[in-house]
Protein backbone atom coordinates (compact mmCIF):
# COMPACT_ATOMS: atom_id res chain seq x y z
CA MET A 1 7.12 -3.07 16.96
CA GLU A 2 4.64 -0.20 17.01
CA ILE A 3 2.84 0.27 13.69
CA LEU A 4 3.80 3.97 13.40
CA GLU A 5 7.44 2.94 13.64
CA LEU A 6 6.84 0.45 10.82
CA MET A 7 5.37 3.29 8.70
CA LYS A 8 8.55 5.32 9.25
CA GLN A 9 10.86 2.40 8.45
CA ARG A 10 9.03 1.13 5.36
CA HIS A 11 10.25 2.42 1.97
CA SER A 12 9.81 1.11 -1.58
CA VAL A 13 12.37 -1.50 -2.62
CA ARG A 14 12.76 -2.74 -6.22
CA GLN A 15 15.81 -5.03 -6.02
CA TYR A 16 15.68 -8.28 -4.05
CA LYS A 17 18.11 -10.90 -2.79
CA ASP A 18 17.80 -14.54 -3.78
CA ILE A 19 16.48 -15.61 -0.36
CA ALA A 20 13.16 -17.43 -0.01
CA VAL A 21 10.35 -16.18 2.20
CA ASP A 22 10.29 -18.69 5.07
CA SER A 23 7.35 -20.89 6.01
CA GLN A 24 6.48 -18.90 9.15
CA GLN A 25 6.36 -15.62 7.18
CA ARG A 26 4.21 -17.32 4.52
CA THR A 27 1.75 -18.59 7.13
CA VAL A 28 1.30 -15.10 8.61
CA LEU A 29 0.76 -13.51 5.18
CA ASN A 30 -1.57 -16.27 3.94
CA GLU A 31 -3.73 -15.96 7.06
CA LEU A 32 -3.90 -12.16 6.84
CA ILE A 33 -4.88 -12.25 3.15
CA GLU A 34 -7.55 -14.88 3.81
CA GLU A 35 -8.92 -12.77 6.68
CA ILE A 36 -9.01 -9.62 4.49
CA ASN A 37 -10.70 -11.44 1.59
CA ASP A 38 -13.40 -12.72 3.95
CA GLU A 39 -13.89 -9.34 5.62
CA ALA A 40 -13.91 -7.15 2.50
CA GLY A 41 -15.15 -9.58 -0.18
CA LEU A 42 -11.90 -9.25 -2.14
CA HIS A 43 -9.90 -11.81 -4.15
CA ILE A 44 -6.32 -10.87 -3.18
CA GLN A 45 -3.83 -13.61 -4.08
CA VAL A 46 -0.21 -14.22 -3.04
CA PHE A 47 2.49 -15.93 -5.13
CA TYR A 48 5.83 -17.19 -3.87
CA ASP A 49 8.89 -18.34 -5.87
CA GLU A 50 7.34 -17.07 -9.13
CA PRO A 51 9.97 -15.07 -11.06
CA GLN A 52 8.19 -14.89 -14.44
CA CYS A 53 5.89 -11.95 -13.70
CA PHE A 54 8.85 -9.63 -13.13
CA ASP A 55 11.05 -11.09 -15.86
CA SER A 56 9.68 -8.73 -18.50
CA MET A 57 10.69 -5.62 -20.43
CA MET A 58 8.35 -3.47 -18.34
CA ALA A 59 9.77 -4.81 -15.07
CA HIS A 60 13.34 -4.16 -16.20
CA TYR A 61 12.27 -0.68 -17.32
CA GLY A 62 10.87 -0.17 -13.81
CA LYS A 63 14.29 -1.20 -12.41
CA PHE A 64 12.93 -4.33 -10.72
CA ALA A 65 15.39 -7.14 -10.12
CA GLY A 66 15.17 -10.46 -8.29
CA VAL A 67 11.40 -10.25 -7.63
CA LYS A 68 10.07 -13.75 -7.01
CA ASN A 69 7.17 -13.01 -4.66
CA TYR A 70 4.18 -10.78 -5.25
CA ILE A 71 0.61 -10.13 -4.19
CA ALA A 72 -2.09 -9.53 -6.81
CA LEU A 73 -4.73 -7.05 -5.65
CA VAL A 74 -7.94 -8.33 -7.22
CA GLY A 75 -11.61 -7.71 -6.49
CA LYS A 76 -15.07 -7.31 -8.01
CA LYS A 77 -15.32 -4.28 -10.28
CA SER A 78 -16.90 -1.31 -8.51
CA PRO A 79 -16.31 2.45 -8.21
CA LYS A 80 -14.72 1.88 -4.77
CA LEU A 81 -12.49 -1.07 -5.73
CA ASP A 82 -9.21 0.89 -6.12
CA GLU A 83 -9.67 2.65 -2.79
CA THR A 84 -10.61 -0.58 -0.97
CA LEU A 85 -7.60 -2.42 -2.38
CA GLY A 86 -5.34 0.49 -1.42
CA TYR A 87 -6.66 0.40 2.15
CA TYR A 88 -6.26 -3.35 2.65
CA GLY A 89 -3.13 -3.58 0.50
CA GLU A 90 -1.34 -1.15 2.82
CA LYS A 91 -2.38 -3.27 5.80
CA ILE A 92 -0.57 -6.18 4.08
CA VAL A 93 2.45 -3.98 3.19
CA LEU A 94 2.93 -2.99 6.84
CA LYS A 95 2.64 -6.64 7.91
CA ILE A 96 5.35 -7.49 5.35
CA GLN A 97 7.57 -4.83 6.97
CA GLU A 98 6.81 -6.22 10.42
CA LEU A 99 7.96 -9.65 9.22
CA GLY A 100 11.38 -8.19 8.37
CA LEU A 101 10.75 -8.15 4.60
CA ASN A 102 10.56 -5.33 2.05
CA SER A 103 7.96 -4.38 -0.52
CA CYS A 104 6.98 -2.13 -3.41
CA TRP A 105 3.60 -1.14 -4.86
CA VAL A 106 3.70 -1.87 -8.59
CA ALA A 107 1.17 -0.34 -10.98
CA MET A 108 2.21 -1.16 -14.54
CA THR A 109 5.87 -2.11 -14.62
CA HIS A 110 5.41 -5.87 -14.43
CA GLY A 111 4.55 -8.75 -16.74
CA LYS A 112 1.48 -11.01 -16.60
CA SER A 113 0.65 -12.18 -13.09
CA LYS A 114 -0.55 -15.70 -12.27
CA ALA A 115 -3.68 -14.31 -10.61
CA ASP A 116 -7.03 -15.94 -11.19
CA ILE A 117 -9.22 -13.02 -12.29
CA GLY A 118 -12.95 -13.73 -12.63
CA LYS A 119 -15.21 -12.24 -15.32
CA ARG A 120 -16.49 -9.43 -13.11
CA GLU A 121 -13.17 -8.92 -11.38
CA LYS A 122 -10.22 -6.63 -11.97
CA GLN A 123 -6.57 -6.73 -10.99
CA VAL A 124 -5.69 -3.18 -9.94
CA CYS A 125 -1.99 -3.60 -9.18
CA LEU A 126 0.63 -5.81 -7.53
CA ILE A 127 2.80 -5.63 -4.43
CA ALA A 128 6.31 -7.04 -4.92
CA PHE A 129 8.00 -8.30 -1.75
CA GLY A 130 10.89 -10.29 -0.33
CA HIS A 131 14.33 -9.68 1.17
CA GLY A 132 15.42 -6.32 -0.21
CA GLU A 133 18.95 -5.53 -1.37
CA THR A 134 18.51 -2.31 0.66
CA GLN A 135 15.88 -0.87 3.01
CA GLY A 136 14.94 1.82 0.46
CA THR A 137 15.02 5.58 1.02
CA PRO A 138 12.42 7.97 2.50
CA HIS A 139 10.27 10.01 0.11
CA LYS A 140 9.96 13.79 0.27
CA ASN A 141 6.76 14.96 1.91
CA LYS A 142 4.46 17.88 1.16
CA SER A 143 3.79 20.28 4.01
CA LEU A 144 0.79 19.76 6.29
CA GLN A 145 -0.73 22.95 4.86
CA ALA A 146 -0.69 21.42 1.37
CA VAL A 147 -2.73 18.35 2.35
CA CYS A 148 -5.26 19.55 4.93
CA ASN A 149 -7.48 22.55 5.60
CA HIS A 150 -6.94 22.76 9.34
CA THR A 151 -3.51 23.90 10.42
CA SER A 152 -4.03 26.16 13.46
CA ASP A 153 -5.11 24.74 16.85
CA MET A 154 -5.18 21.30 15.31
CA PRO A 155 -6.50 18.59 17.67
CA GLU A 156 -3.71 16.21 18.63
CA TRP A 157 -5.50 13.15 17.21
CA PHE A 158 -5.92 14.91 13.84
CA LEU A 159 -2.27 15.99 13.75
CA ASN A 160 -1.20 12.39 14.54
CA GLY A 161 -3.43 11.15 11.73
CA MET A 162 -2.01 13.66 9.25
CA GLU A 163 1.58 12.82 10.18
CA ALA A 164 0.82 9.13 9.55
CA ALA A 165 -0.91 10.02 6.25
CA LEU A 166 2.20 11.87 5.05
CA LEU A 167 4.23 8.67 5.62
CA ALA A 168 1.94 6.76 3.23
CA PRO A 169 3.33 5.65 -0.14
CA THR A 170 1.57 7.23 -3.15
CA ALA A 171 2.05 6.63 -6.88
CA MET A 172 5.12 8.58 -8.08
CA ASN A 173 5.05 10.25 -4.64
CA GLN A 174 2.34 12.62 -5.91
CA GLN A 175 0.48 12.97 -2.55
CA LYS A 176 -2.67 14.31 -4.26
CA PHE A 177 -4.87 13.81 -1.21
CA CYS A 178 -6.58 16.31 1.05
CA PHE A 179 -8.15 15.96 4.50
CA GLU A 180 -10.75 18.40 5.79
CA LEU A 181 -11.78 18.70 9.42
CA SER A 182 -15.14 20.39 10.06
CA SER A 183 -16.05 22.42 13.14
CA ASP A 184 -17.95 19.40 14.53
CA ASN A 185 -14.85 17.17 14.10
CA LYS A 186 -16.05 15.34 10.98
CA ILE A 187 -13.30 14.30 8.59
CA THR A 188 -13.49 14.16 4.80
CA ALA A 189 -10.68 12.73 2.72
CA THR A 190 -10.55 13.30 -1.04
CA CYS A 191 -8.06 12.92 -3.87
CA SER A 192 -7.62 14.99 -7.00
CA LYS A 193 -7.31 13.41 -10.43
CA GLY A 194 -4.09 11.70 -11.30
CA PHE A 195 -2.27 8.41 -11.75
CA TYR A 196 -3.74 5.80 -9.35
CA THR A 197 -5.00 8.46 -6.91
CA LYS A 198 -8.03 6.37 -5.85
CA LEU A 199 -5.67 3.59 -4.79
CA ASP A 200 -3.52 6.19 -3.02
CA LEU A 201 -6.57 7.49 -1.15
CA GLY A 202 -7.21 4.03 0.33
CA ILE A 203 -3.56 3.74 1.42
CA VAL A 204 -3.60 7.21 2.98
CA LYS A 205 -6.92 6.58 4.77
CA TYR A 206 -5.48 3.45 6.37
CA HIS A 207 -2.49 5.44 7.63
CA PHE A 208 -4.71 8.25 8.94
CA GLU A 209 -6.94 5.83 10.85
CA ILE A 210 -3.95 4.12 12.46
CA GLY A 211 -2.32 7.44 13.39
CA SER A 212 -5.47 9.15 14.69
CA GLY A 213 -7.20 6.15 16.23
CA ARG A 214 -10.41 7.22 14.41
CA LYS A 215 -12.37 5.45 11.67
CA LEU A 216 -13.10 7.47 8.54
């Protein structure tokens, strides 16, 4: 399936069925995570059949149920860590969707993860995944004018990138990002202050690159 179609189909899911992730799906995810860790110098870890992390007051408050699989987004502390984990985490999220599974980015509403976090490392957030009770529901989007500076005579590649960016999940659906296109076709992407906006910026950049076919 085309990746843009996956972006349209993928929505956050918090309740999961009691069905294990099969060995073929695990192999694909394990290989992708290993590849990303090697490429980006990250320490992302995946856990299967581990219900304890989401058997907590915070998880129940966040309306999570039946979560037994999750990915811990971990890396060396740096000013760019949140954005990098957002970028590569969304690559994993779309692969999860492609495998016929569901997922949800989880910032604080979970218990203690089993992740091995080194002294100079930080766990930024988790991704819950598995067989969803539903396929989730689409989020409301801001207008193009609200998230970019260039709205008349927009090049087709830029419009495609922006449409993909608007499909990106952001914390509490805040969409606090902005893309600027200069007269010489240079793109700048920024995020305003808010809850997990640096992570969001990485997620949105990944979507934009896929949609536009251009590296940021």
